[in-house]
Amino acid sequence: MDNNPWQRAQAQLKSAASHIELDPLTLLRLENPDRIVEVSLPMKMDDGSVQSV
């Protein structure tokens, strides 16, 4: 499996949907969100440097 978090989440969603017999329109809605929130957190590393993760 690919190491892309988004693709892993999509695969897990499809797998779960097949187990619970999720309505195809509901699955389509979950697969294509209207909004995505991204954040960046500055983290102080052990060596004193700051990196955004």
Protein backbone atom coordinates (compact mmCIF):
# COMPACT_ATOMS: atom_id res chain seq x y z
CA MET A 1 0.00 0.00 0.00
CA ASP A 2 1.13 3.54 -0.70
CA ASN A 3 2.55 5.63 2.14
CA ASN A 4 0.28 8.59 1.34
CA PRO A 5 -1.98 9.30 4.36
CA TRP A 6 -4.85 10.56 2.19
CA GLN A 7 -4.81 7.44 0.01
CA ARG A 8 -4.61 5.17 3.08
CA ALA A 9 -7.61 6.96 4.61
CA GLN A 10 -9.58 6.59 1.36
CA ALA A 11 -8.80 2.85 1.24
CA GLN A 12 -9.85 2.40 4.87
CA LEU A 13 -13.08 4.32 4.23
CA LYS A 14 -13.94 2.13 1.24
CA SER A 15 -13.17 -1.02 3.21
CA ALA A 16 -15.32 0.05 6.16
CA ALA A 17 -18.15 1.16 3.85
CA SER A 18 -18.26 -2.28 2.22
CA HIS A 19 -18.53 -3.98 5.62
CA ILE A 20 -21.47 -1.86 6.79
CA GLU A 21 -23.19 -1.64 3.40
CA LEU A 22 -22.97 2.16 3.34
CA ASP A 23 -25.19 3.91 0.82
CA PRO A 24 -23.11 4.72 -2.30
CA LEU A 25 -24.16 8.38 -2.25
CA THR A 26 -23.08 8.72 1.38
CA LEU A 27 -19.73 7.13 0.53
CA LEU A 28 -19.29 9.54 -2.37
CA ARG A 29 -20.01 12.47 -0.05
CA LEU A 30 -17.45 11.22 2.49
CA GLU A 31 -14.82 10.65 -0.20
CA ASN A 32 -15.09 14.22 -1.52
CA PRO A 33 -15.15 16.74 1.34
CA ASP A 34 -16.25 20.34 0.77
CA ARG A 35 -13.47 21.71 2.96
CA ILE A 36 -10.09 20.62 4.20
CA VAL A 37 -8.44 22.24 7.22
CA GLU A 38 -4.65 22.20 7.27
CA VAL A 39 -2.53 23.42 10.15
CA SER A 40 1.17 23.88 10.71
CA LEU A 41 2.65 23.64 14.19
CA PRO A 42 6.08 25.00 15.03
CA MET A 43 7.90 22.41 17.15
CA LYS A 44 11.08 23.02 19.11
CA MET A 45 13.45 20.15 18.44
CA ASP A 46 15.91 18.61 20.92
CA ASP A 47 18.78 20.48 19.27
CA GLY A 48 17.02 23.83 19.83
CA SER A 49 15.96 24.36 16.23
CA VAL A 50 12.33 25.02 15.32
CA GLN A 51 10.59 23.08 12.56
CA SER A 52 7.04 23.33 11.29
CA VAL A 53 5.27 19.98 11.18
